[in-house]
Protein backbone atom coordinates (compact mmCIF):
# COMPACT_ATOMS: atom_id res chain seq x y z
CA MET A 1 85.38 -9.44 -48.74
CA VAL A 2 89.06 -8.79 -48.10
CA LYS A 3 91.33 -11.29 -49.75
CA PHE A 4 93.93 -11.99 -47.08
CA VAL A 5 97.22 -13.55 -48.09
CA ASN A 6 97.73 -16.84 -46.25
CA PRO A 7 100.60 -16.40 -43.76
CA GLU A 8 102.01 -19.72 -44.97
CA SER A 9 102.21 -18.48 -48.57
CA PRO A 10 105.61 -17.34 -49.88
CA LEU A 11 103.85 -14.14 -50.98
CA PHE A 12 103.35 -13.21 -47.36
CA PHE A 13 106.89 -13.30 -46.11
CA PHE A 14 108.17 -9.89 -47.04
CA SER A 15 110.17 -8.31 -44.28
CA MET A 16 108.68 -4.94 -43.43
CA ARG A 17 111.73 -3.29 -45.03
CA LYS A 18 111.05 -5.08 -48.33
CA LEU A 19 107.33 -4.38 -48.05
CA ILE A 20 107.87 -0.66 -47.55
CA SER A 21 110.42 -0.56 -50.36
CA LEU A 22 107.95 -2.18 -52.72
CA LEU A 23 105.22 0.23 -51.70
CA LEU A 24 107.48 3.22 -52.19
CA PHE A 25 108.20 2.08 -55.72
CA LEU A 26 104.52 1.58 -56.45
CA PHE A 27 103.44 4.83 -54.90
CA VAL A 28 106.12 6.93 -56.57
CA ALA A 29 105.29 5.37 -59.92
CA ASN A 30 101.57 6.00 -59.60
CA PHE A 31 101.14 9.16 -57.53
CA ALA A 32 101.06 11.79 -60.26
CA PHE A 33 100.07 15.31 -59.36
CA ALA A 34 97.48 16.50 -61.87
CA GLN A 35 98.67 20.06 -62.09
CA THR A 36 100.17 21.78 -65.09
CA SER A 37 103.19 23.12 -63.24
CA VAL A 38 105.09 21.16 -60.57
CA PRO A 39 108.06 22.88 -58.90
CA ALA A 40 111.44 21.47 -59.86
CA ASP A 41 112.39 20.80 -56.22
CA PHE A 42 109.21 18.73 -55.79
CA GLN A 43 110.19 16.59 -58.77
CA LYS A 44 113.71 16.32 -57.37
CA ALA A 45 112.28 15.19 -54.02
CA LYS A 46 110.36 12.41 -55.78
CA SER A 47 113.51 11.33 -57.60
CA GLU A 48 115.43 11.18 -54.32
CA LEU A 49 112.61 9.09 -52.81
CA ALA A 50 112.68 6.67 -55.74
CA ALA A 51 116.45 6.35 -55.28
CA LYS A 52 115.88 5.59 -51.54
CA ASN A 53 117.73 8.72 -50.49
CA TYR A 54 115.17 9.14 -47.72
CA TRP A 55 116.76 11.93 -45.68
CA GLU A 56 117.40 14.15 -48.71
CA SER A 57 113.88 13.50 -49.93
CA MET A 58 112.35 14.36 -46.55
CA GLN A 59 114.08 17.74 -46.42
CA LEU A 60 112.88 18.64 -49.90
CA PHE A 61 109.24 17.58 -49.34
CA LYS A 62 109.04 19.63 -46.12
CA GLU A 63 109.30 22.77 -48.23
CA PHE A 64 105.88 22.02 -49.81
CA VAL A 65 103.64 21.01 -46.84
CA ASP A 66 102.08 24.48 -46.36
CA SER A 67 98.58 24.16 -47.85
CA ASP A 68 97.97 27.93 -47.78
CA ARG A 69 100.92 28.39 -50.08
CA TYR A 70 100.85 25.24 -52.23
CA GLY A 71 97.18 24.15 -52.15
CA ASN A 72 96.56 20.54 -53.14
CA LEU A 73 100.25 20.01 -53.79
CA ALA A 74 100.76 20.13 -50.00
CA GLN A 75 98.69 16.93 -49.58
CA TYR A 76 100.95 15.04 -51.98
CA ALA A 77 104.02 16.51 -50.33
CA ARG A 78 102.86 15.22 -46.94
CA LEU A 79 102.10 11.80 -48.40
CA HIS A 80 105.55 11.48 -49.99
CA LEU A 81 107.22 12.95 -46.91
CA ALA A 82 105.60 10.15 -44.88
CA GLU A 83 106.87 7.55 -47.36
CA ALA A 84 110.39 8.88 -46.99
CA ALA A 85 110.11 9.04 -43.20
CA LEU A 86 108.97 5.41 -43.06
CA GLY A 87 111.92 4.42 -45.25
CA ALA A 88 114.23 6.27 -42.83
CA LYS A 89 112.45 4.66 -39.84
CA GLN A 90 111.26 8.03 -38.60
CA ALA A 91 107.75 6.99 -37.67
CA GLY A 92 107.09 10.11 -35.61
CA GLN A 93 107.74 12.39 -38.59
CA ALA A 94 105.54 10.21 -40.81
CA ILE A 95 102.68 10.46 -38.31
CA GLU A 96 103.12 14.24 -38.05
CA ALA A 97 102.99 14.55 -41.84
CA LEU A 98 99.95 12.32 -42.35
CA GLN A 99 97.59 13.25 -39.51
CA PRO A 100 96.42 16.51 -41.14
CA ILE A 101 95.44 14.76 -44.42
CA SER A 102 94.46 11.17 -43.55
CA LEU A 103 90.83 12.02 -42.80
CA ASP A 104 90.45 14.52 -45.66
CA SER A 105 88.37 13.59 -48.68
CA TRP A 106 90.83 13.56 -51.57
CA SER A 107 92.06 11.20 -54.27
CA LYS A 108 94.77 9.56 -52.14
CA SER A 109 92.86 9.40 -48.87
CA ASP A 110 93.11 5.59 -48.52
CA GLU A 111 96.83 5.63 -49.33
CA SER A 112 97.42 8.19 -46.59
CA LYS A 113 95.45 6.07 -44.11
CA TYR A 114 97.46 3.00 -45.01
CA LEU A 115 100.80 4.79 -44.60
CA LEU A 116 99.60 6.29 -41.31
CA ALA A 117 98.76 2.78 -40.08
CA LEU A 118 102.29 1.63 -40.98
CA ALA A 119 103.71 4.63 -39.13
CA TYR A 120 101.61 3.87 -36.05
CA PHE A 121 102.74 0.23 -36.13
CA GLN A 122 106.36 1.30 -36.48
CA ASN A 123 105.89 3.70 -33.55
CA ASN A 124 104.35 0.91 -31.42
CA GLN A 125 100.93 2.60 -31.44
CA LYS A 126 99.16 -0.58 -32.45
CA GLU A 127 95.62 0.27 -31.45
CA GLU A 128 95.79 3.56 -33.37
CA ALA A 129 97.08 1.64 -36.40
CA LEU A 130 94.24 -0.86 -36.24
CA ARG A 131 91.63 1.88 -35.88
CA ILE A 132 92.84 3.78 -38.93
CA ILE A 133 92.88 0.53 -40.95
CA LYS A 134 89.14 0.15 -40.28
CA LEU A 135 88.61 3.37 -42.26
CA ILE A 136 90.29 2.13 -45.46
CA ASP A 137 87.90 1.43 -48.35
CA ARG A 138 90.13 0.16 -51.18
CA GLU A 139 90.28 -3.64 -51.24
CA ASP A 140 93.92 -3.91 -52.33
CA LEU A 141 95.02 -1.60 -49.53
CA LYS A 142 92.87 -3.50 -47.04
CA MET A 143 94.78 -6.63 -48.00
CA LEU A 144 98.13 -4.92 -47.53
CA ALA A 145 96.96 -3.50 -44.19
CA ALA A 146 95.87 -6.96 -43.06
CA ASN A 147 99.30 -8.36 -43.91
CA ALA A 148 100.98 -5.53 -42.01
CA SER A 149 98.68 -6.20 -39.04
CA TYR A 150 99.75 -9.83 -38.98
CA GLU A 151 103.45 -8.93 -39.25
CA TYR A 152 103.35 -6.48 -36.35
CA LEU A 153 100.96 -8.42 -34.06
CA ARG A 154 102.05 -12.05 -34.33
CA THR A 155 104.43 -11.59 -31.38
CA GLU A 156 102.01 -9.54 -29.27
CA THR A 157 100.82 -10.61 -25.82
CA PRO A 158 97.68 -12.76 -25.48
CA ASN A 159 96.17 -10.12 -23.19
CA PHE A 160 96.46 -7.43 -25.88
CA MET A 161 94.87 -9.68 -28.50
CA VAL A 162 92.00 -10.87 -26.28
CA THR A 163 91.25 -7.35 -25.01
CA ASN A 164 91.01 -5.96 -28.55
CA LEU A 165 89.31 -8.87 -30.32
CA GLN A 166 85.81 -7.40 -30.38
CA GLU A 167 86.99 -4.08 -31.84
CA PHE A 168 89.27 -5.49 -34.53
CA LYS A 169 87.94 -8.96 -35.37
CA THR A 170 86.97 -7.80 -38.88
CA ASN A 171 90.69 -7.37 -39.66
CA PRO A 172 91.82 -10.80 -40.93
CA GLY A 173 95.44 -9.97 -40.17
CA PHE A 174 94.53 -9.33 -36.53
CA THR A 175 92.64 -12.63 -36.19
CA ALA A 176 95.39 -14.59 -37.96
CA ALA A 177 97.99 -13.10 -35.62
CA MET A 178 95.80 -13.78 -32.60
CA LYS A 179 95.46 -17.43 -33.55
CA VAL A 180 99.26 -17.73 -33.77
CA VAL A 181 99.66 -16.02 -30.39
CA LEU A 182 97.12 -18.23 -28.60
CA GLU A 183 98.26 -21.46 -30.21
CA GLY A 184 101.75 -20.66 -29.02
CA LYS A 185 100.64 -21.02 -25.41
CA THR A 186 100.58 -24.40 -23.70
CA ILE A 187 97.78 -23.50 -21.28
CA LEU A 188 95.07 -20.94 -21.99
CA SER A 189 93.04 -19.10 -19.38
CA ALA A 190 89.25 -19.34 -19.55
CA THR A 191 89.07 -15.91 -21.25
CA GLU A 192 91.75 -16.87 -23.77
CA ARG A 193 89.99 -20.16 -24.54
CA ALA A 194 86.71 -18.35 -25.16
CA ALA A 195 88.46 -15.90 -27.49
CA TYR A 196 90.22 -18.74 -29.32
CA TYR A 197 86.95 -20.55 -29.95
CA GLU A 198 85.35 -17.34 -31.10
CA LEU A 199 88.14 -17.14 -33.69
CA ARG A 200 87.25 -20.67 -34.80
CA GLY A 201 83.67 -19.55 -35.20
CA LEU A 202 84.71 -16.51 -37.24
CA GLU A 203 86.78 -18.73 -39.53
CA GLU A 204 84.22 -21.45 -40.05
CA GLY A 205 80.94 -19.56 -39.86
CA ASN A 206 77.97 -21.51 -38.63
CA VAL A 207 79.73 -24.76 -37.76
CA ASN A 208 76.52 -26.27 -36.34
CA LYS A 209 74.56 -26.01 -39.56
CA ILE A 210 72.32 -29.00 -40.15
CA SER A 211 73.42 -30.54 -43.42
CA ASP A 212 72.02 -34.09 -43.18
CA GLU A 213 69.65 -36.33 -41.26
CA VAL A 214 72.36 -37.91 -39.10
CA LEU A 215 72.81 -37.09 -35.41
CA ASP A 216 76.59 -36.59 -35.17
CA ILE A 217 77.90 -37.13 -31.64
CA ALA A 218 81.52 -36.41 -30.72
CA VAL A 219 82.61 -38.22 -27.55
CA VAL A 220 85.65 -36.68 -25.83
CA LEU A 221 86.88 -38.81 -22.93
CA PRO A 222 90.23 -39.56 -21.24
CA PHE A 223 90.61 -43.09 -22.61
CA THR A 224 94.30 -43.01 -21.68
CA ASN A 225 96.46 -40.82 -19.50
CA GLY A 226 99.88 -39.37 -20.23
CA SER A 227 101.45 -42.81 -19.92
CA ASN A 228 99.15 -44.11 -22.69
CA ALA A 229 97.90 -46.85 -20.41
CA ALA A 230 94.78 -48.18 -22.12
CA LEU A 231 91.55 -48.42 -20.17
CA THR A 232 90.04 -51.83 -19.52
CA GLY A 233 86.79 -53.30 -18.32
CA GLY A 234 85.91 -52.04 -14.86
CA ASP A 235 87.12 -48.49 -15.50
CA PHE A 236 84.17 -46.08 -15.30
CA VAL A 237 85.21 -44.17 -18.46
CA PHE A 238 85.44 -47.41 -20.44
CA GLU A 239 82.06 -48.53 -19.08
CA LEU A 240 80.40 -45.22 -19.93
CA TYR A 241 81.68 -45.34 -23.50
CA GLN A 242 80.71 -49.00 -23.86
CA GLY A 243 77.17 -48.05 -22.85
CA LEU A 244 77.15 -45.22 -25.41
CA GLU A 245 78.43 -47.49 -28.16
CA PHE A 246 75.93 -50.22 -27.29
CA GLY A 247 73.11 -47.67 -27.40
CA LYS A 248 74.29 -46.37 -30.78
CA ARG A 249 74.22 -49.88 -32.26
CA GLN A 250 70.70 -50.50 -30.99
CA LEU A 251 69.48 -47.15 -32.32
CA THR A 252 70.95 -47.99 -35.73
CA THR A 253 69.02 -51.30 -35.83
CA GLN A 254 65.87 -49.26 -35.14
CA GLY A 255 66.53 -47.06 -38.16
CA VAL A 256 67.80 -44.04 -36.20
CA LYS A 257 70.60 -42.27 -38.06
CA VAL A 258 73.31 -41.60 -35.51
CA ASN A 259 77.07 -41.35 -35.85
CA LEU A 260 79.37 -41.72 -32.82
CA THR A 261 83.02 -40.62 -33.05
CA SER A 262 85.33 -40.88 -30.05
CA PHE A 263 88.38 -38.77 -29.16
CA ASN A 264 90.98 -39.42 -26.45
CA SER A 265 91.67 -36.25 -24.42
CA GLN A 266 94.44 -38.02 -22.42
CA ARG A 267 93.76 -35.59 -19.53
CA ASP A 268 96.07 -33.19 -21.37
CA LEU A 269 94.76 -29.66 -21.98
CA ALA A 270 97.16 -29.04 -24.86
CA LYS A 271 95.98 -32.24 -26.53
CA LEU A 272 92.36 -31.27 -25.86
CA GLN A 273 92.79 -27.86 -27.47
CA GLN A 274 94.22 -29.57 -30.53
CA LEU A 275 91.24 -31.95 -30.64
CA LEU A 276 88.81 -29.04 -30.57
CA THR A 277 90.09 -27.92 -33.97
CA ASP A 278 89.20 -31.27 -35.54
CA PRO A 279 86.46 -30.81 -38.19
CA VAL A 280 84.52 -33.78 -36.78
CA ILE A 281 84.14 -31.93 -33.48
CA THR A 282 83.62 -28.46 -34.94
CA LYS A 283 80.81 -29.82 -37.13
CA ALA A 284 79.25 -32.16 -34.55
CA ASP A 285 75.63 -31.79 -33.46
CA VAL A 286 76.53 -32.49 -29.83
CA ILE A 287 79.63 -33.18 -27.72
CA VAL A 288 79.61 -35.71 -24.86
CA GLY A 289 82.37 -35.41 -22.27
CA PRO A 290 85.00 -34.92 -21.06
CA ILE A 291 84.85 -35.78 -17.35
CA TYR A 292 87.35 -33.77 -15.29
CA PRO A 293 86.78 -30.10 -14.33
CA GLU A 294 89.64 -28.45 -16.20
CA GLU A 295 88.78 -30.36 -19.39
CA SER A 296 85.04 -29.78 -19.12
CA GLU A 297 85.60 -26.04 -18.67
CA ALA A 298 87.68 -25.94 -21.85
CA VAL A 299 85.03 -27.80 -23.85
CA SER A 300 82.27 -25.66 -22.34
CA GLY A 301 84.07 -22.54 -23.55
CA PHE A 302 84.36 -24.03 -27.02
CA ALA A 303 80.69 -25.10 -27.00
CA GLU A 304 79.48 -21.61 -26.13
CA GLN A 305 81.40 -20.05 -29.01
CA ALA A 306 80.67 -22.79 -31.56
CA LYS A 307 77.02 -23.08 -30.44
CA ILE A 308 77.28 -26.86 -30.10
CA PRO A 309 75.60 -28.49 -27.07
CA PHE A 310 78.10 -30.00 -24.64
CA ILE A 311 76.89 -32.68 -22.20
CA HIS A 312 78.81 -33.56 -19.04
CA PRO A 313 77.75 -37.19 -18.56
CA LEU A 314 78.38 -37.84 -14.85
CA SER A 315 78.87 -34.71 -12.75
CA ASN A 316 76.42 -33.09 -10.34
CA LEU A 317 78.50 -29.91 -10.10
CA GLY A 318 77.02 -27.50 -12.60
CA GLY A 319 77.56 -24.11 -10.99
CA ARG A 320 80.14 -23.18 -13.61
CA PHE A 321 77.55 -23.79 -16.35
CA GLU A 322 74.67 -21.79 -14.87
CA GLU A 323 75.20 -18.82 -17.19
CA ALA A 324 75.97 -21.01 -20.20
CA ASN A 325 73.62 -21.52 -23.13
CA TYR A 326 75.10 -24.71 -24.59
CA SER A 327 76.57 -26.56 -21.59
CA TYR A 328 74.53 -29.22 -19.77
CA LEU A 329 74.76 -31.74 -16.97
CA PHE A 330 73.09 -35.04 -17.85
CA ARG A 331 72.48 -35.61 -14.14
CA PRO A 332 70.90 -33.23 -11.60
CA SER A 333 73.00 -30.40 -10.25
CA ALA A 334 73.65 -30.15 -6.52
CA ALA A 335 70.97 -27.46 -6.33
CA SER A 336 68.43 -29.73 -8.07
CA LEU A 337 69.33 -32.62 -5.76
CA ALA A 338 68.76 -30.38 -2.73
CA ALA A 339 65.41 -29.20 -4.06
CA GLY A 340 64.33 -32.81 -4.68
CA ILE A 341 65.34 -33.87 -1.17
CA ILE A 342 63.42 -31.00 0.45
CA ASN A 343 60.34 -31.62 -1.69
CA GLY A 344 60.49 -35.32 -0.76
CA ILE A 345 60.61 -34.87 3.01
CA LYS A 346 57.97 -32.14 2.87
CA THR A 347 55.47 -34.74 1.62
CA GLN A 348 56.01 -36.83 4.78
CA SER A 349 55.17 -36.25 8.43
CA TRP A 350 58.45 -37.29 9.94
CA GLY A 351 59.08 -34.09 11.89
CA LYS A 352 61.16 -30.97 11.44
CA ARG A 353 64.55 -32.03 12.83
CA VAL A 354 67.16 -33.02 10.21
CA ALA A 355 70.69 -34.39 10.63
CA ILE A 356 73.09 -34.29 7.69
CA GLY A 357 76.17 -36.44 7.20
CA TYR A 358 78.30 -36.09 4.12
CA SER A 359 81.58 -37.24 2.62
CA SER A 360 84.48 -34.94 1.76
CA SER A 361 83.86 -35.10 -1.99
CA SER A 362 83.18 -31.80 -3.76
CA ARG A 363 79.66 -32.86 -4.74
CA ASP A 364 78.67 -33.95 -1.24
CA GLU A 365 80.16 -30.90 0.48
CA ARG A 366 78.37 -28.60 -1.96
CA LEU A 367 75.06 -30.44 -1.53
CA ALA A 368 75.33 -30.35 2.26
CA ALA A 369 76.01 -26.60 2.18
CA ILE A 370 72.92 -25.97 0.04
CA LEU A 371 70.74 -28.10 2.31
CA LYS A 372 71.96 -26.30 5.43
CA GLU A 373 70.95 -23.02 3.80
CA GLU A 374 67.64 -24.12 2.25
CA LEU A 375 66.16 -26.47 4.86
CA PRO A 376 65.49 -23.70 7.43
CA LYS A 377 63.72 -21.69 4.71
CA ALA A 378 61.41 -24.68 4.24
CA GLY A 379 60.62 -24.88 7.97
CA PHE A 380 63.15 -27.54 9.02
CA GLN A 381 65.82 -27.43 11.73
CA VAL A 382 69.31 -28.76 10.98
CA VAL A 383 70.35 -30.33 14.29
CA GLU A 384 73.64 -31.83 13.10
CA SER A 385 75.90 -31.55 10.07
CA LYS A 386 79.14 -33.49 9.92
CA VAL A 387 81.77 -34.74 7.49
CA LEU A 388 81.78 -38.55 7.59
CA ASN A 389 84.20 -41.37 6.87
CA GLY A 390 84.20 -45.10 7.50
CA ARG A 391 85.61 -44.60 11.01
CA ASN A 392 83.25 -42.00 12.46
CA VAL A 393 79.88 -42.76 10.84
CA THR A 394 78.82 -45.18 13.62
CA GLU A 395 79.70 -42.59 16.27
CA PHE A 396 77.73 -39.97 14.30
CA LEU A 397 74.60 -42.16 14.19
CA GLN A 398 74.86 -43.22 17.82
CA GLY A 399 75.23 -39.59 18.81
CA LEU A 400 71.84 -38.99 17.22
CA GLY A 401 70.33 -41.64 19.52
CA ILE A 402 70.44 -44.57 17.11
CA ARG A 403 71.57 -47.41 19.33
CA THR A 404 70.31 -50.75 20.58
CA GLY A 405 67.32 -50.37 22.88
CA SER A 406 66.74 -46.74 21.97
CA VAL A 407 63.19 -45.43 21.76
CA ALA A 408 61.72 -42.72 19.58
CA SER A 409 61.75 -40.19 22.43
CA SER A 410 65.54 -40.51 22.77
CA LEU A 411 66.23 -39.68 19.13
CA LYS A 412 67.74 -36.24 18.49
CA THR A 413 66.53 -36.08 14.89
CA ASP A 414 63.43 -36.95 12.90
CA GLN A 415 65.30 -37.86 9.72
CA ILE A 416 68.87 -38.34 8.57
CA ILE A 417 70.31 -37.36 5.19
CA LEU A 418 73.52 -39.18 4.24
CA LEU A 419 75.28 -37.71 1.23
CA THR A 420 77.89 -40.15 -0.02
CA ASP A 421 78.55 -42.85 -2.62
CA ASP A 422 81.32 -44.34 -0.49
CA PRO A 423 80.69 -48.01 0.43
CA SER A 424 83.06 -47.69 3.41
CA ILE A 425 80.51 -45.28 4.93
CA ALA A 426 77.47 -47.17 3.70
CA GLN A 427 78.46 -50.56 5.13
CA PRO A 428 78.72 -49.59 8.83
CA THR A 429 75.57 -47.47 8.44
CA PHE A 430 73.61 -50.41 7.10
CA ALA A 431 75.04 -52.74 9.75
CA LEU A 432 74.02 -50.41 12.59
CA LEU A 433 70.50 -49.79 11.31
CA GLU A 434 70.08 -53.51 10.72
CA SER A 435 70.99 -54.26 14.36
CA VAL A 436 68.89 -51.67 16.21
CA THR A 437 65.15 -51.45 16.65
CA ALA A 438 64.88 -47.71 16.09
CA SER A 439 63.04 -46.66 12.97
CA VAL A 440 64.36 -43.34 11.71
CA PRO A 441 63.93 -42.30 8.06
CA THR A 442 67.37 -42.24 6.45
CA LEU A 443 67.77 -40.67 3.02
CA VAL A 444 70.72 -41.91 0.97
CA LEU A 445 71.79 -41.52 -2.65
CA ASP A 446 70.47 -44.09 -5.11
CA SER A 447 73.99 -45.51 -5.58
CA TRP A 448 73.40 -47.44 -2.33
CA LEU A 449 71.01 -49.69 -4.24
CA THR A 450 73.99 -51.16 -6.09
CA PHE A 451 76.02 -52.11 -2.98
CA ASN A 452 76.20 -55.90 -2.80
CA PHE A 453 76.32 -56.01 1.03
CA ALA A 454 72.94 -54.33 1.49
CA ASN A 455 69.64 -56.23 1.39
CA PHE A 456 67.23 -53.45 2.24
CA GLU A 457 64.21 -55.75 2.17
CA MET A 458 65.55 -57.72 5.16
CA LEU A 459 65.49 -54.73 7.50
CA GLU A 460 62.92 -54.84 10.33
CA PHE A 461 61.99 -51.23 9.64
CA PRO A 462 61.98 -49.53 6.19
CA ASN A 463 64.56 -46.99 7.29
CA PHE A 464 66.07 -46.25 3.89
CA TYR A 465 64.83 -43.84 1.24
CA PHE A 466 66.75 -43.20 -1.97
CA ILE A 467 67.52 -39.84 -3.57
CA GLY A 468 67.06 -39.89 -7.34
CA ASN A 469 70.17 -39.11 -9.39
CA ASN A 470 69.14 -40.33 -12.86
CA THR A 471 67.95 -43.47 -11.05
CA ILE A 472 67.59 -46.61 -13.15
CA ASN A 473 64.12 -48.19 -13.13
CA PHE A 474 65.51 -51.71 -12.83
CA ASP A 475 62.03 -53.31 -12.77
CA SER A 476 60.93 -51.83 -16.10
CA ALA A 477 60.66 -54.04 -19.20
CA THR A 478 63.18 -51.88 -21.09
CA ALA A 479 65.77 -52.17 -18.29
CA GLU A 480 65.29 -55.94 -18.17
CA LYS A 481 65.73 -56.15 -21.93
CA PHE A 482 68.84 -53.95 -21.84
CA LYS A 483 70.40 -56.15 -19.16
CA LYS A 484 69.72 -59.32 -21.18
CA ASP A 485 70.93 -57.87 -24.49
CA PHE A 486 74.04 -56.45 -22.88
CA PHE A 487 74.91 -59.76 -21.23
CA ASP A 488 74.32 -61.64 -24.49
CA THR A 489 76.77 -59.27 -26.23
CA TYR A 490 79.55 -58.86 -23.65
CA LYS A 491 79.00 -61.86 -21.32
CA ILE A 492 78.97 -59.55 -18.27
CA ASN A 493 76.19 -57.79 -16.42
CA PRO A 494 76.04 -54.04 -17.03
CA SER A 495 77.32 -51.63 -14.38
CA LEU A 496 75.63 -48.37 -13.47
CA ASN A 497 77.88 -46.51 -15.92
CA HIS A 498 76.83 -48.86 -18.72
CA TYR A 499 73.20 -48.01 -17.97
CA LEU A 500 73.97 -44.28 -17.91
CA GLY A 501 75.86 -44.34 -21.21
CA PHE A 502 73.01 -46.21 -22.90
CA GLU A 503 70.44 -43.83 -21.40
CA LEU A 504 72.42 -40.75 -22.42
CA ILE A 505 72.57 -41.61 -26.10
CA ASN A 506 68.87 -42.51 -26.14
CA TRP A 507 68.04 -39.21 -24.43
CA LEU A 508 70.02 -37.32 -27.08
CA ALA A 509 68.39 -39.23 -29.94
CA GLY A 510 64.98 -38.51 -28.44
CA ASN A 511 65.65 -34.78 -28.31
CA MET A 512 67.77 -34.24 -31.44
CA SER A 513 66.61 -35.67 -34.76
CA TYR A 514 65.95 -34.64 -38.32
CA SER A 515 62.17 -34.75 -37.80
CA LYS A 516 62.21 -32.93 -34.44
CA GLY A 517 65.12 -30.64 -35.26
CA PHE A 518 68.64 -30.44 -33.81
CA ASP A 519 67.96 -27.51 -31.47
CA LEU A 520 68.43 -29.29 -28.13
CA ARG A 521 67.46 -26.27 -26.02
CA ARG A 522 64.19 -25.70 -27.84
CA ASN A 523 63.21 -29.37 -27.75
CA LEU A 524 63.97 -29.74 -24.03
CA ASP A 525 61.82 -26.72 -23.22
CA GLN A 526 58.74 -28.20 -24.89
CA SER A 527 57.83 -30.43 -21.94
CA SER A 528 58.41 -30.37 -18.19
CA TYR A 529 58.78 -34.14 -17.89
CA GLN A 530 60.15 -36.76 -20.25
CA LYS A 531 60.02 -40.47 -19.56
CA GLY A 532 63.42 -42.15 -19.62
CA THR A 533 64.34 -45.25 -21.56
CA LEU A 534 65.99 -46.92 -18.55
CA THR A 535 65.63 -44.22 -15.90
CA TRP A 536 62.61 -42.74 -14.14
CA GLY A 537 62.77 -39.65 -16.31
CA PHE A 538 63.98 -36.12 -16.94
CA ASN A 539 62.99 -32.50 -16.61
CA PHE A 540 65.29 -30.08 -18.42
CA GLN A 541 62.68 -27.41 -19.04
CA GLY A 542 64.39 -24.03 -18.66
CA SER A 543 67.39 -25.75 -17.09
CA ASN A 544 70.85 -27.02 -18.02
CA ASN A 545 70.52 -30.07 -15.73
CA ASN A 546 67.97 -32.76 -14.88
CA GLN A 547 65.58 -31.23 -12.36
CA TYR A 548 63.59 -34.45 -11.88
CA VAL A 549 64.83 -35.67 -8.47
CA PRO A 550 62.29 -37.96 -6.80
CA VAL A 551 62.89 -39.60 -3.44
CA PHE A 552 62.06 -43.33 -3.55
CA LYS A 553 60.90 -45.86 -1.03
CA LEU A 554 61.11 -49.64 -1.40
CA GLU A 555 57.69 -51.29 -1.48
CA ALA A 556 57.49 -55.06 -1.99
CA GLY A 557 60.96 -54.91 -3.50
CA GLU A 558 60.13 -52.15 -6.00
CA LEU A 559 61.07 -48.49 -5.98
CA LYS A 560 58.15 -46.09 -5.62
CA PRO A 561 58.49 -42.27 -5.66
CA LEU A 562 57.31 -40.49 -2.53
CA ASN A 563 56.15 -37.53 -4.57
């Protein structure tokens, strides 16, 4: 293993002039030519080199570089000529002298390679320098070459370092310089982030090694923003974390060994990159959060390099993680939601005409686009697809024939799919369907169950069906107990995000433990369906998101899956 001098050590900070001067002294003192008779001018050339009379020395050594005439002496002449040329900052002449001998098998082969690398560096031929360094065998010269690599590369461009990482990552000087270069940037591209986290992996080895029985969870969330305004009750991030913390405490009382450590990302990428060097995160068994796209992409890049599972707790947009091995959505992706919707309506006999209304959120627009593409493949006809808001949703529904006094024959669709969590869209929808006599199946997201203005059991017709999105089974004994315990602790009823945080940490503990192993991917693949603690369940088999997306109906006040 190469012993690389720490760049922060005083031993490292030779200028290249001082470094070369030191080497010249060492080389001149130790390079003895084992031949009974050495020409006087050769000895004089060595004396001039030792005295740092580089130009005089170069002229004298050039007289002895003809191997046909001087045999092995010519190799030493070229080596010393290169030393003198480097001292005189004539890198081109040093390269010309060394190229014929650097790959020869002779007693000073490694020294010639090292000097050739210095010459290439000095001549701004950095890739050639790094390639010749890979051929050096002597450990002390490897160390010197690593230090030279750092000195010449620490001001290089990030693009150069990232492009050449795979070829030269065994050179500790290259990786040390690359770390300095990347840490000097405020914002890293996705490629640069991936390279940076690969460096972390090279430095720390297998950072995800299981060393104890404790499930170590690092939670990275934007608890404050740049103004350092603390989050309070009612904020969804605060509620999610409160649910996680409450779940951790309950698991501990059950004898489950779990450690939860939180980090504030502040919605600041520079701060986040700094956090990702924290040993608690680099040695965690799993990372939960952050929330926002630019932050989650950064953590996903780190997770892939460090081989630590990263869980996005709330999003349904997982396209950017499809090729990832360690990045997961806790909830279904848009593609899984679409598949669940289509499977649900295929089990019914409502007809083939489908109308789609959706909000302008990224999730809803993406889901609507997938449905418009996939529904015709399943034998359905999309008769309408429209972006909705609180002002036009009534017009949209009435345009489909949903109005007072309408009959089934006047309807232009057999079912409606409304993709939104927005109560300003939900309220006029509910009001209209409550006032008309038409019964048309209307699929909405399960978030509508939490709207306090909607009493679905009072409707004349059971119009509404609910799309599962990690849906809470509110009627289960465990959900009832959670609600009671939570209220007893905090004196408030839990929100949906409290439920999800609690469910998330229980899902992790159920799939990562000392007895079962900490390989989340392997454990998730062992079954196609897992019962949830508070939710209706999960299916992560062969997937990085929850593929279990039932469509529910309300029956005697209880949710029942259609399929």
